[in-house]
Amino acid sequence: MDTLVIYRETARERVRRTTSAIQQRREKAWNAARTAAELLKTRYQATRVVVFGSITQAERFHLWSDLDLAAWGLPPGDYFEAVARVLDVGGEIKIDLIMAERCKSFLQEEIESGVDL
């Protein structure tokens, strides 16, 4: 078999495996987002939770993407505990939790283009 043919087949297989791994990771991230949102609403009385960033756009999501969540209504005294609990939910997927009321205006635009959970 021609070396170039072998190279092309190997490259196609690598792309297929990588694409599949990305899809599986993105599905895990969505599940973690839903679980974290439920936790934030029930345990910490969050009034709204939005997932934003690369997870909302498949073409931007990759094998090292994290999960970005914004929450409204979290009691400031509970924030660090909520972050720790949300990180536990994420497992191998890092979750960044933002108190939406306290973030910069440029980030507000990105958050508002996200998905309410």
PDB file of N, CA and C in Angstrom:
ATOM      1  N   MET A   1       0.849  -1.173   0.000  1.00  0.00           N
ATOM      2  CA  MET A   1       0.000   0.000   0.000  1.00  0.00           C
ATOM      3  C   MET A   1       0.898   1.241   0.000  1.00  0.00           C
ATOM      4  N   ASP A   2       0.481   2.236  -0.750  1.00  0.00           N
ATOM      5  CA  ASP A   2       1.218   3.495  -0.864  1.00  0.00           C
ATOM      6  C   ASP A   2       1.281   4.205   0.493  1.00  0.00           C
ATOM      7  N   THR A   3       2.432   4.738   0.830  1.00  0.00           N
ATOM      8  CA  THR A   3       2.626   5.432   2.104  1.00  0.00           C
ATOM      9  C   THR A   3       1.668   6.605   2.257  1.00  0.00           C
ATOM     10  N   LEU A   4       1.423   7.332   1.174  1.00  0.00           N
ATOM     11  CA  LEU A   4       0.514   8.474   1.231  1.00  0.00           C
ATOM     12  C   LEU A   4      -0.919   8.028   1.522  1.00  0.00           C
ATOM     13  N   VAL A   5      -1.332   6.906   0.970  1.00  0.00           N
ATOM     14  CA  VAL A   5      -2.671   6.371   1.225  1.00  0.00           C
ATOM     15  C   VAL A   5      -2.800   5.998   2.709  1.00  0.00           C
ATOM     16  N   ILE A   6      -1.791   5.353   3.244  1.00  0.00           N
ATOM     17  CA  ILE A   6      -1.798   4.984   4.667  1.00  0.00           C
ATOM     18  C   ILE A   6      -1.867   6.235   5.528  1.00  0.00           C
ATOM     19  N   TYR A   7      -1.074   7.242   5.185  1.00  0.00           N
ATOM     20  CA  TYR A   7      -1.076   8.501   5.935  1.00  0.00           C
ATOM     21  C   TYR A   7      -2.465   9.136   5.929  1.00  0.00           C
ATOM     22  N   ARG A   8      -3.099   9.189   4.774  1.00  0.00           N
ATOM     23  CA  ARG A   8      -4.436   9.792   4.671  1.00  0.00           C
ATOM     24  C   ARG A   8      -5.463   9.012   5.484  1.00  0.00           C
ATOM     25  N   GLU A   9      -5.431   7.698   5.416  1.00  0.00           N
ATOM     26  CA  GLU A   9      -6.367   6.879   6.188  1.00  0.00           C
ATOM     27  C   GLU A   9      -6.158   7.089   7.687  1.00  0.00           C
ATOM     28  N   THR A  10      -4.911   7.142   8.098  1.00  0.00           N
ATOM     29  CA  THR A  10      -4.599   7.370   9.515  1.00  0.00           C
ATOM     30  C   THR A  10      -5.085   8.748   9.958  1.00  0.00           C
ATOM     31  N   ALA A  11      -4.887   9.744   9.137  1.00  0.00           N
ATOM     32  CA  ALA A  11      -5.327  11.104   9.465  1.00  0.00           C
ATOM     33  C   ALA A  11      -6.850  11.162   9.573  1.00  0.00           C
ATOM     34  N   ARG A  12      -7.545  10.528   8.649  1.00  0.00           N
ATOM     35  CA  ARG A  12      -9.021  10.498   8.704  1.00  0.00           C
ATOM     36  C   ARG A  12      -9.507   9.809   9.974  1.00  0.00           C
ATOM     37  N   GLU A  13      -8.867   8.710  10.344  1.00  0.00           N
ATOM     38  CA  GLU A  13      -9.251   7.985  11.558  1.00  0.00           C
ATOM     39  C   GLU A  13      -8.989   8.850  12.794  1.00  0.00           C
ATOM     40  N   ARG A  14      -7.884   9.562  12.824  1.00  0.00           N
ATOM     41  CA  ARG A  14      -7.589  10.446  13.957  1.00  0.00           C
ATOM     42  C   ARG A  14      -8.638  11.547  14.069  1.00  0.00           C
ATOM     43  N   VAL A  15      -9.031  12.127  12.956  1.00  0.00           N
ATOM     44  CA  VAL A  15     -10.073  13.166  12.952  1.00  0.00           C
ATOM     45  C   VAL A  15     -11.391  12.574  13.440  1.00  0.00           C
ATOM     46  N   ARG A  16     -11.739  11.389  12.994  1.00  0.00           N
ATOM     47  CA  ARG A  16     -12.978  10.745  13.421  1.00  0.00           C
ATOM     48  C   ARG A  16     -12.971  10.507  14.933  1.00  0.00           C
ATOM     49  N   ARG A  17     -11.870   9.981  15.472  1.00  0.00           N
ATOM     50  CA  ARG A  17     -11.782   9.722  16.909  1.00  0.00           C
ATOM     51  C   ARG A  17     -11.826  11.017  17.719  1.00  0.00           C
ATOM     52  N   THR A  18     -11.135  12.031  17.242  1.00  0.00           N
ATOM     53  CA  THR A  18     -11.126  13.321  17.939  1.00  0.00           C
ATOM     54  C   THR A  18     -12.514  13.942  17.928  1.00  0.00           C
ATOM     55  N   THR A  19     -13.179  13.903  16.794  1.00  0.00           N
ATOM     56  CA  THR A  19     -14.538  14.447  16.691  1.00  0.00           C
ATOM     57  C   THR A  19     -15.480  13.725  17.630  1.00  0.00           C
ATOM     58  N   SER A  20     -15.374  12.419  17.707  1.00  0.00           N
ATOM     59  CA  SER A  20     -16.214  11.634  18.605  1.00  0.00           C
ATOM     60  C   SER A  20     -15.920  11.992  20.066  1.00  0.00           C
ATOM     61  N   ALA A  21     -14.649  12.130  20.416  1.00  0.00           N
ATOM     62  CA  ALA A  21     -14.277  12.482  21.788  1.00  0.00           C
ATOM     63  C   ALA A  21     -14.799  13.871  22.158  1.00  0.00           C
ATOM     64  N   ILE A  22     -14.750  14.802  21.234  1.00  0.00           N
ATOM     65  CA  ILE A  22     -15.261  16.152  21.481  1.00  0.00           C
ATOM     66  C   ILE A  22     -16.772  16.100  21.704  1.00  0.00           C
ATOM     67  N   GLN A  23     -17.474  15.348  20.880  1.00  0.00           N
ATOM     68  CA  GLN A  23     -18.928  15.228  21.034  1.00  0.00           C
ATOM     69  C   GLN A  23     -19.291  14.618  22.389  1.00  0.00           C
ATOM     70  N   GLN A  24     -18.555  13.608  22.805  1.00  0.00           N
ATOM     71  CA  GLN A  24     -18.820  12.974  24.101  1.00  0.00           C
ATOM     72  C   GLN A  24     -18.533  13.941  25.246  1.00  0.00           C
ATOM     73  N   ARG A  25     -17.440  14.683  25.153  1.00  0.00           N
ATOM     74  CA  ARG A  25     -17.103  15.655  26.198  1.00  0.00           C
ATOM     75  C   ARG A  25     -18.148  16.764  26.255  1.00  0.00           C
ATOM     76  N   ARG A  26     -18.611  17.218  25.099  1.00  0.00           N
ATOM     77  CA  ARG A  26     -19.622  18.282  25.077  1.00  0.00           C
ATOM     78  C   ARG A  26     -20.929  17.783  25.710  1.00  0.00           C
ATOM     79  N   GLU A  27     -21.300  16.543  25.446  1.00  0.00           N
ATOM     80  CA  GLU A  27     -22.502  15.968  26.062  1.00  0.00           C
ATOM     81  C   GLU A  27     -22.341  15.897  27.581  1.00  0.00           C
ATOM     82  N   LYS A  28     -21.158  15.476  28.059  1.00  0.00           N
ATOM     83  CA  LYS A  28     -20.892  15.446  29.501  1.00  0.00           C
ATOM     84  C   LYS A  28     -20.977  16.856  30.080  1.00  0.00           C
ATOM     85  N   ALA A  29     -20.456  17.832  29.347  1.00  0.00           N
ATOM     86  CA  ALA A  29     -20.482  19.216  29.827  1.00  0.00           C
ATOM     87  C   ALA A  29     -21.918  19.719  29.950  1.00  0.00           C
ATOM     88  N   TRP A  30     -22.761  19.409  28.965  1.00  0.00           N
ATOM     89  CA  TRP A  30     -24.168  19.824  29.044  1.00  0.00           C
ATOM     90  C   TRP A  30     -24.851  19.161  30.244  1.00  0.00           C
ATOM     91  N   ASN A  31     -24.573  17.891  30.478  1.00  0.00           N
ATOM     92  CA  ASN A  31     -25.157  17.199  31.637  1.00  0.00           C
ATOM     93  C   ASN A  31     -24.680  17.840  32.939  1.00  0.00           C
ATOM     94  N   ALA A  32     -23.399  18.167  33.005  1.00  0.00           N
ATOM     95  CA  ALA A  32     -22.859  18.828  34.199  1.00  0.00           C
ATOM     96  C   ALA A  32     -23.491  20.204  34.383  1.00  0.00           C
ATOM     97  N   ALA A  33     -23.718  20.917  33.292  1.00  0.00           N
ATOM     98  CA  ALA A  33     -24.336  22.245  33.368  1.00  0.00           C
ATOM     99  C   ALA A  33     -25.742  22.151  33.942  1.00  0.00           C
ATOM    100  N   ARG A  34     -26.513  21.184  33.462  1.00  0.00           N
ATOM    101  CA  ARG A  34     -27.884  21.017  33.970  1.00  0.00           C
ATOM    102  C   ARG A  34     -27.886  20.636  35.446  1.00  0.00           C
ATOM    103  N   THR A  35     -26.999  19.726  35.825  1.00  0.00           N
ATOM    104  CA  THR A  35     -26.910  19.305  37.219  1.00  0.00           C
ATOM    105  C   THR A  35     -26.473  20.466  38.105  1.00  0.00           C
ATOM    106  N   ALA A  36     -25.475  21.225  37.667  1.00  0.00           N
ATOM    107  CA  ALA A  36     -24.996  22.370  38.437  1.00  0.00           C
ATOM    108  C   ALA A  36     -26.082  23.427  38.570  1.00  0.00           C
ATOM    109  N   ALA A  37     -26.824  23.675  37.507  1.00  0.00           N
ATOM    110  CA  ALA A  37     -27.902  24.667  37.558  1.00  0.00           C
ATOM    111  C   ALA A  37     -28.959  24.248  38.572  1.00  0.00           C
ATOM    112  N   GLU A  38     -29.317  22.990  38.567  1.00  0.00           N
ATOM    113  CA  GLU A  38     -30.306  22.498  39.531  1.00  0.00           C
ATOM    114  C   GLU A  38     -29.791  22.657  40.957  1.00  0.00           C
ATOM    115  N   LEU A  39     -28.538  22.323  41.184  1.00  0.00           N
ATOM    116  CA  LEU A  39     -27.929  22.488  42.497  1.00  0.00           C
ATOM    117  C   LEU A  39     -27.947  23.956  42.930  1.00  0.00           C
ATOM    118  N   LEU A  40     -27.561  24.844  42.037  1.00  0.00           N
ATOM    119  CA  LEU A  40     -27.515  26.270  42.364  1.00  0.00           C
ATOM    120  C   LEU A  40     -28.905  26.817  42.689  1.00  0.00           C
ATOM    121  N   LYS A  41     -29.901  26.325  41.994  1.00  0.00           N
ATOM    122  CA  LYS A  41     -31.266  26.805  42.232  1.00  0.00           C
ATOM    123  C   LYS A  41     -31.858  26.239  43.520  1.00  0.00           C
ATOM    124  N   THR A  42     -31.619  24.966  43.771  1.00  0.00           N
ATOM    125  CA  THR A  42     -32.255  24.345  44.929  1.00  0.00           C
ATOM    126  C   THR A  42     -31.493  24.590  46.226  1.00  0.00           C
ATOM    127  N   ARG A  43     -30.193  24.500  46.196  1.00  0.00           N
ATOM    128  CA  ARG A  43     -29.405  24.630  47.427  1.00  0.00           C
ATOM    129  C   ARG A  43     -29.013  26.073  47.745  1.00  0.00           C
ATOM    130  N   TYR A  44     -28.795  26.875  46.688  1.00  0.00           N
ATOM    131  CA  TYR A  44     -28.284  28.234  46.900  1.00  0.00           C
ATOM    132  C   TYR A  44     -29.261  29.316  46.443  1.00  0.00           C
ATOM    133  N   GLN A  45     -30.463  28.936  46.117  1.00  0.00           N
ATOM    134  CA  GLN A  45     -31.538  29.855  45.759  1.00  0.00           C
ATOM    135  C   GLN A  45     -31.199  30.761  44.561  1.00  0.00           C
ATOM    136  N   ALA A  46     -30.401  30.277  43.633  1.00  0.00           N
ATOM    137  CA  ALA A  46     -30.139  31.051  42.412  1.00  0.00           C
ATOM    138  C   ALA A  46     -31.473  31.253  41.691  1.00  0.00           C
ATOM    139  N   THR A  47     -31.715  32.455  41.226  1.00  0.00           N
ATOM    140  CA  THR A  47     -32.964  32.756  40.537  1.00  0.00           C
ATOM    141  C   THR A  47     -32.871  32.503  39.041  1.00  0.00           C
ATOM    142  N   ARG A  48     -31.649  32.463  38.535  1.00  0.00           N
ATOM    143  CA  ARG A  48     -31.429  32.220  37.103  1.00  0.00           C
ATOM    144  C   ARG A  48     -30.021  31.682  36.931  1.00  0.00           C
ATOM    145  N   VAL A  49     -29.852  30.715  36.024  1.00  0.00           N
ATOM    146  CA  VAL A  49     -28.534  30.179  35.688  1.00  0.00           C
ATOM    147  C   VAL A  49     -28.449  30.109  34.172  1.00  0.00           C
ATOM    148  N   VAL A  50     -27.348  30.637  33.632  1.00  0.00           N
ATOM    149  CA  VAL A  50     -27.120  30.647  32.185  1.00  0.00           C
ATOM    150  C   VAL A  50     -25.780  29.986  31.897  1.00  0.00           C
ATOM    151  N   VAL A  51     -25.767  29.095  30.936  1.00  0.00           N
ATOM    152  CA  VAL A  51     -24.523  28.528  30.436  1.00  0.00           C
ATOM    153  C   VAL A  51     -24.147  29.323  29.193  1.00  0.00           C
ATOM    154  N   PHE A  52     -22.870  29.688  29.089  1.00  0.00           N
ATOM    155  CA  PHE A  52     -22.423  30.496  27.952  1.00  0.00           C
ATOM    156  C   PHE A  52     -21.014  30.066  27.551  1.00  0.00           C
ATOM    157  N   GLY A  53     -20.515  30.644  26.504  1.00  0.00           N
ATOM    158  CA  GLY A  53     -19.164  30.318  26.050  1.00  0.00           C
ATOM    159  C   GLY A  53     -19.163  29.230  24.993  1.00  0.00           C
ATOM    160  N   SER A  54     -18.042  28.518  24.923  1.00  0.00           N
ATOM    161  CA  SER A  54     -17.820  27.574  23.824  1.00  0.00           C
ATOM    162  C   SER A  54     -18.812  26.424  23.790  1.00  0.00           C
ATOM    163  N   ILE A  55     -19.357  26.037  24.923  1.00  0.00           N
ATOM    164  CA  ILE A  55     -20.301  24.910  24.915  1.00  0.00           C
ATOM    165  C   ILE A  55     -21.536  25.225  24.080  1.00  0.00           C
ATOM    166  N   THR A  56     -21.902  26.481  23.973  1.00  0.00           N
ATOM    167  CA  THR A  56     -23.110  26.846  23.237  1.00  0.00           C
ATOM    168  C   THR A  56     -22.882  26.894  21.730  1.00  0.00           C
ATOM    169  N   GLN A  57     -21.631  26.738  21.308  1.00  0.00           N
ATOM    170  CA  GLN A  57     -21.305  26.766  19.885  1.00  0.00           C
ATOM    171  C   GLN A  57     -20.392  25.581  19.574  1.00  0.00           C
ATOM    172  N   ALA A  58     -20.947  24.570  18.972  1.00  0.00           N
ATOM    173  CA  ALA A  58     -20.219  23.316  18.744  1.00  0.00           C
ATOM    174  C   ALA A  58     -18.874  23.529  18.059  1.00  0.00           C
ATOM    175  N   GLU A  59     -18.803  24.468  17.129  1.00  0.00           N
ATOM    176  CA  GLU A  59     -17.548  24.676  16.395  1.00  0.00           C
ATOM    177  C   GLU A  59     -16.448  25.272  17.274  1.00  0.00           C
ATOM    178  N   ARG A  60     -16.800  25.863  18.407  1.00  0.00           N
ATOM    179  CA  ARG A  60     -15.799  26.431  19.329  1.00  0.00           C
ATOM    180  C   ARG A  60     -15.399  25.471  20.438  1.00  0.00           C
ATOM    181  N   PHE A  61     -16.201  24.458  20.675  1.00  0.00           N
ATOM    182  CA  PHE A  61     -15.934  23.525  21.772  1.00  0.00           C
ATOM    183  C   PHE A  61     -14.827  22.568  21.357  1.00  0.00           C
ATOM    184  N   HIS A  62     -13.869  22.308  22.288  1.00  0.00           N
ATOM    185  CA  HIS A  62     -12.769  21.392  21.998  1.00  0.00           C
ATOM    186  C   HIS A  62     -12.511  20.495  23.207  1.00  0.00           C
ATOM    187  N   LEU A  63     -11.519  19.658  23.120  1.00  0.00           N
ATOM    188  CA  LEU A  63     -11.253  18.670  24.165  1.00  0.00           C
ATOM    189  C   LEU A  63     -10.840  19.291  25.498  1.00  0.00           C
ATOM    190  N   TRP A  64     -10.426  20.545  25.503  1.00  0.00           N
ATOM    191  CA  TRP A  64      -9.976  21.187  26.735  1.00  0.00           C
ATOM    192  C   TRP A  64     -10.907  22.311  27.170  1.00  0.00           C
ATOM    193  N   SER A  65     -12.055  22.412  26.524  1.00  0.00           N
ATOM    194  CA  SER A  65     -13.007  23.466  26.886  1.00  0.00           C
ATOM    195  C   SER A  65     -13.499  23.286  28.313  1.00  0.00           C
ATOM    196  N   ASP A  66     -13.703  24.420  28.969  1.00  0.00           N
ATOM    197  CA  ASP A  66     -14.317  24.384  30.288  1.00  0.00           C
ATOM    198  C   ASP A  66     -15.788  24.730  30.136  1.00  0.00           C
ATOM    199  N   LEU A  67     -16.469  24.851  31.243  1.00  0.00           N
ATOM    200  CA  LEU A  67     -17.894  25.144  31.258  1.00  0.00           C
ATOM    201  C   LEU A  67     -18.086  26.465  31.985  1.00  0.00           C
ATOM    202  N   ASP A  68     -18.735  27.411  31.338  1.00  0.00           N
ATOM    203  CA  ASP A  68     -18.957  28.732  31.914  1.00  0.00           C
ATOM    204  C   ASP A  68     -20.414  28.873  32.325  1.00  0.00           C
ATOM    205  N   LEU A  69     -20.638  29.159  33.614  1.00  0.00           N
ATOM    206  CA  LEU A  69     -21.976  29.364  34.151  1.00  0.00           C
ATOM    207  C   LEU A  69     -22.059  30.734  34.814  1.00  0.00           C
ATOM    208  N   ALA A  70     -23.173  31.387  34.623  1.00  0.00           N
ATOM    209  CA  ALA A  70     -23.472  32.627  35.337  1.00  0.00           C
ATOM    210  C   ALA A  70     -24.736  32.392  36.138  1.00  0.00           C
ATOM    211  N   ALA A  71     -24.720  32.858  37.394  1.00  0.00           N
ATOM    212  CA  ALA A  71     -25.880  32.673  38.261  1.00  0.00           C
ATOM    213  C   ALA A  71     -26.280  34.009  38.876  1.00  0.00           C
ATOM    214  N   TRP A  72     -27.585  34.196  39.002  1.00  0.00           N
ATOM    215  CA  TRP A  72     -28.160  35.374  39.651  1.00  0.00           C
ATOM    216  C   TRP A  72     -28.742  34.932  40.987  1.00  0.00           C
ATOM    217  N   GLY A  73     -28.652  35.805  41.978  1.00  0.00           N
ATOM    218  CA  GLY A  73     -29.317  35.567  43.248  1.00  0.00           C
ATOM    219  C   GLY A  73     -28.553  34.723  44.249  1.00  0.00           C
ATOM    220  N   LEU A  74     -27.292  34.390  43.963  1.00  0.00           N
ATOM    221  CA  LEU A  74     -26.515  33.626  44.937  1.00  0.00           C
ATOM    222  C   LEU A  74     -26.181  34.516  46.128  1.00  0.00           C
ATOM    223  N   PRO A  75     -26.395  34.045  47.332  1.00  0.00           N
ATOM    224  CA  PRO A  75     -25.971  34.825  48.493  1.00  0.00           C
ATOM    225  C   PRO A  75     -24.440  34.945  48.488  1.00  0.00           C
ATOM    226  N   PRO A  76     -23.904  36.161  48.590  1.00  0.00           N
ATOM    227  CA  PRO A  76     -22.444  36.337  48.532  1.00  0.00           C
ATOM    228  C   PRO A  76     -21.689  35.457  49.524  1.00  0.00           C
ATOM    229  N   GLY A  77     -22.250  35.247  50.699  1.00  0.00           N
ATOM    230  CA  GLY A  77     -21.584  34.406  51.694  1.00  0.00           C
ATOM    231  C   GLY A  77     -21.517  32.935  51.315  1.00  0.00           C
ATOM    232  N   ASP A  78     -22.310  32.508  50.358  1.00  0.00           N
ATOM    233  CA  ASP A  78     -22.331  31.111  49.920  1.00  0.00           C
ATOM    234  C   ASP A  78     -21.555  30.878  48.626  1.00  0.00           C
ATOM    235  N   TYR A  79     -21.010  31.937  48.046  1.00  0.00           N
ATOM    236  CA  TYR A  79     -20.397  31.829  46.716  1.00  0.00           C
ATOM    237  C   TYR A  79     -19.288  30.763  46.675  1.00  0.00           C
ATOM    238  N   PHE A  80     -18.340  30.823  47.602  1.00  0.00           N
ATOM    239  CA  PHE A  80     -17.202  29.898  47.526  1.00  0.00           C
ATOM    240  C   PHE A  80     -17.624  28.448  47.771  1.00  0.00           C
ATOM    241  N   GLU A  81     -18.592  28.248  48.633  1.00  0.00           N
ATOM    242  CA  GLU A  81     -19.117  26.901  48.822  1.00  0.00           C
ATOM    243  C   GLU A  81     -19.809  26.429  47.538  1.00  0.00           C
ATOM    244  N   ALA A  82     -20.567  27.318  46.914  1.00  0.00           N
ATOM    245  CA  ALA A  82     -21.250  26.962  45.658  1.00  0.00           C
ATOM    246  C   ALA A  82     -20.239  26.614  44.573  1.00  0.00           C
ATOM    247  N   VAL A  83     -19.150  27.382  44.497  1.00  0.00           N
ATOM    248  CA  VAL A  83     -18.101  27.085  43.511  1.00  0.00           C
ATOM    249  C   VAL A  83     -17.548  25.685  43.759  1.00  0.00           C
ATOM    250  N   ALA A  84     -17.245  25.363  45.004  1.00  0.00           N
ATOM    251  CA  ALA A  84     -16.691  24.045  45.324  1.00  0.00           C
ATOM    252  C   ALA A  84     -17.660  22.927  44.944  1.00  0.00           C
ATOM    253  N   ARG A  85     -18.924  23.102  45.249  1.00  0.00           N
ATOM    254  CA  ARG A  85     -19.920  22.063  44.924  1.00  0.00           C
ATOM    255  C   ARG A  85     -20.091  21.915  43.417  1.00  0.00           C
ATOM    256  N   VAL A  86     -20.066  23.035  42.705  1.00  0.00           N
ATOM    257  CA  VAL A  86     -20.204  22.997  41.246  1.00  0.00           C
ATOM    258  C   VAL A  86     -18.984  22.325  40.617  1.00  0.00           C
ATOM    259  N   LEU A  87     -17.802  22.582  41.157  1.00  0.00           N
ATOM    260  CA  LEU A  87     -16.604  21.914  40.644  1.00  0.00           C
ATOM    261  C   LEU A  87     -16.709  20.410  40.828  1.00  0.00           C
ATOM    262  N   ASP A  88     -17.280  19.965  41.936  1.00  0.00           N
ATOM    263  CA  ASP A  88     -17.483  18.528  42.152  1.00  0.00           C
ATOM    264  C   ASP A  88     -18.396  17.939  41.083  1.00  0.00           C
ATOM    265  N   VAL A  89     -19.419  18.682  40.709  1.00  0.00           N
ATOM    266  CA  VAL A  89     -20.365  18.225  39.680  1.00  0.00           C
ATOM    267  C   VAL A  89     -19.654  18.045  38.338  1.00  0.00           C
ATOM    268  N   GLY A  90     -18.711  18.929  38.044  1.00  0.00           N
ATOM    269  CA  GLY A  90     -18.053  18.915  36.745  1.00  0.00           C
ATOM    270  C   GLY A  90     -17.128  17.741  36.514  1.00  0.00           C
ATOM    271  N   GLY A  91     -16.616  17.153  37.584  1.00  0.00           N
ATOM    272  CA  GLY A  91     -15.667  16.056  37.404  1.00  0.00           C
ATOM    273  C   GLY A  91     -14.445  16.533  36.666  1.00  0.00           C
ATOM    274  N   GLU A  92     -14.143  15.895  35.554  1.00  0.00           N
ATOM    275  CA  GLU A  92     -12.957  16.282  34.789  1.00  0.00           C
ATOM    276  C   GLU A  92     -13.175  17.563  33.974  1.00  0.00           C
ATOM    277  N   ILE A  93     -14.393  18.052  33.951  1.00  0.00           N
ATOM    278  CA  ILE A  93     -14.696  19.292  33.224  1.00  0.00           C
ATOM    279  C   ILE A  93     -14.686  20.456  34.217  1.00  0.00           C
ATOM    280  N   LYS A  94     -13.761  21.359  34.033  1.00  0.00           N
ATOM    281  CA  LYS A  94     -13.655  22.521  34.913  1.00  0.00           C
ATOM    282  C   LYS A  94     -14.863  23.433  34.684  1.00  0.00           C
ATOM    283  N   ILE A  95     -15.448  23.897  35.779  1.00  0.00           N
ATOM    284  CA  ILE A  95     -16.592  24.797  35.684  1.00  0.00           C
ATOM    285  C   ILE A  95     -16.225  26.138  36.294  1.00  0.00           C
ATOM    286  N   ASP A  96     -16.426  27.205  35.538  1.00  0.00           N
ATOM    287  CA  ASP A  96     -16.257  28.568  36.025  1.00  0.00           C
ATOM    288  C   ASP A  96     -17.630  29.119  36.362  1.00  0.00           C
ATOM    289  N   LEU A  97     -17.808  29.539  37.608  1.00  0.00           N
ATOM    290  CA  LEU A  97     -19.082  30.086  38.065  1.00  0.00           C
ATOM    291  C   LEU A  97     -18.923  31.578  38.323  1.00  0.00           C
ATOM    292  N   ILE A  98     -19.786  32.363  37.722  1.00  0.00           N
ATOM    293  CA  ILE A  98     -19.744  33.818  37.834  1.00  0.00           C
ATOM    294  C   ILE A  98     -21.018  34.303  38.506  1.00  0.00           C
ATOM    295  N   MET A  99     -20.868  35.217  39.437  1.00  0.00           N
ATOM    296  CA  MET A  99     -22.038  35.898  40.012  1.00  0.00           C
ATOM    297  C   MET A  99     -22.419  36.978  39.005  1.00  0.00           C
ATOM    298  N   ALA A 100     -23.489  36.770  38.305  1.00  0.00           N
ATOM    299  CA  ALA A 100     -23.858  37.624  37.173  1.00  0.00           C
ATOM    300  C   ALA A 100     -24.022  39.085  37.562  1.00  0.00           C
ATOM    301  N   GLU A 101     -24.529  39.338  38.753  1.00  0.00           N
ATOM    302  CA  GLU A 101     -24.755  40.724  39.167  1.00  0.00           C
ATOM    303  C   GLU A 101     -23.450  41.497  39.344  1.00  0.00           C
ATOM    304  N   ARG A 102     -22.344  40.789  39.487  1.00  0.00           N
ATOM    305  CA  ARG A 102     -21.067  41.452  39.776  1.00  0.00           C
ATOM    306  C   ARG A 102     -20.081  41.438  38.619  1.00  0.00           C
ATOM    307  N   CYS A 103     -20.475  40.944  37.468  1.00  0.00           N
ATOM    308  CA  CYS A 103     -19.505  40.843  36.372  1.00  0.00           C
ATOM    309  C   CYS A 103     -19.476  42.125  35.534  1.00  0.00           C
ATOM    310  N   LYS A 104     -18.409  42.268  34.783  1.00  0.00           N
ATOM    311  CA  LYS A 104     -18.198  43.436  33.924  1.00  0.00           C
ATOM    312  C   LYS A 104     -19.229  43.457  32.793  1.00  0.00           C
ATOM    313  N   SER A 105     -19.508  44.650  32.303  1.00  0.00           N
ATOM    314  CA  SER A 105     -20.542  44.808  31.277  1.00  0.00           C
ATOM    315  C   SER A 105     -20.209  44.059  29.983  1.00  0.00           C
ATOM    316  N   PHE A 106     -18.921  43.995  29.602  1.00  0.00           N
ATOM    317  CA  PHE A 106     -18.578  43.279  28.368  1.00  0.00           C
ATOM    318  C   PHE A 106     -18.908  41.799  28.484  1.00  0.00           C
ATOM    319  N   LEU A 107     -18.820  41.251  29.684  1.00  0.00           N
ATOM    320  CA  LEU A 107     -19.142  39.847  29.894  1.00  0.00           C
ATOM    321  C   LEU A 107     -20.653  39.628  29.928  1.00  0.00           C
ATOM    322  N   GLN A 108     -21.397  40.634  30.361  1.00  0.00           N
ATOM    323  CA  GLN A 108     -22.855  40.542  30.385  1.00  0.00           C
ATOM    324  C   GLN A 108     -23.404  40.216  28.997  1.00  0.00           C
ATOM    325  N   GLU A 109     -22.841  40.844  27.967  1.00  0.00           N
ATOM    326  CA  GLU A 109     -23.309  40.591  26.593  1.00  0.00           C
ATOM    327  C   GLU A 109     -23.124  39.123  26.216  1.00  0.00           C
ATOM    328  N   GLU A 110     -21.963  38.577  26.561  1.00  0.00           N
ATOM    329  CA  GLU A 110     -21.698  37.163  26.265  1.00  0.00           C
ATOM    330  C   GLU A 110     -22.664  36.269  27.037  1.00  0.00           C
ATOM    331  N   ILE A 111     -22.883  36.586  28.292  1.00  0.00           N
ATOM    332  CA  ILE A 111     -23.779  35.788  29.123  1.00  0.00           C
ATOM    333  C   ILE A 111     -25.202  35.816  28.549  1.00  0.00           C
ATOM    334  N   GLU A 112     -25.664  36.981  28.163  1.00  0.00           N
ATOM    335  CA  GLU A 112     -27.030  37.099  27.649  1.00  0.00           C
ATOM    336  C   GLU A 112     -27.230  36.364  26.327  1.00  0.00           C
ATOM    337  N   SER A 113     -26.132  36.055  25.635  1.00  0.00           N
ATOM    338  CA  SER A 113     -26.254  35.265  24.404  1.00  0.00           C
ATOM    339  C   SER A 113     -26.202  33.770  24.690  1.00  0.00           C
ATOM    340  N   GLY A 114     -26.112  33.405  25.979  1.00  0.00           N
ATOM    341  CA  GLY A 114     -26.037  32.003  26.378  1.00  0.00           C
ATOM    342  C   GLY A 114     -27.421  31.353  26.449  1.00  0.00           C
ATOM    343  N   VAL A 115     -27.463  30.224  27.138  1.00  0.00           N
ATOM    344  CA  VAL A 115     -28.674  29.407  27.226  1.00  0.00           C
ATOM    345  C   VAL A 115     -29.118  29.334  28.688  1.00  0.00           C
ATOM    346  N   ASP A 116     -30.368  29.724  28.941  1.00  0.00           N
ATOM    347  CA  ASP A 116     -30.922  29.610  30.291  1.00  0.00           C
ATOM    348  C   ASP A 116     -31.153  28.148  30.633  1.00  0.00           C
ATOM    349  N   LEU A 117     -30.792  27.805  31.857  1.00  0.00           N
ATOM    350  CA  LEU A 117     -31.005  26.426  32.331  1.00  0.00           C
ATOM    351  C   LEU A 117     -32.049  26.403  33.419  1.00  0.00           C
TER     352      LEU A 117
END
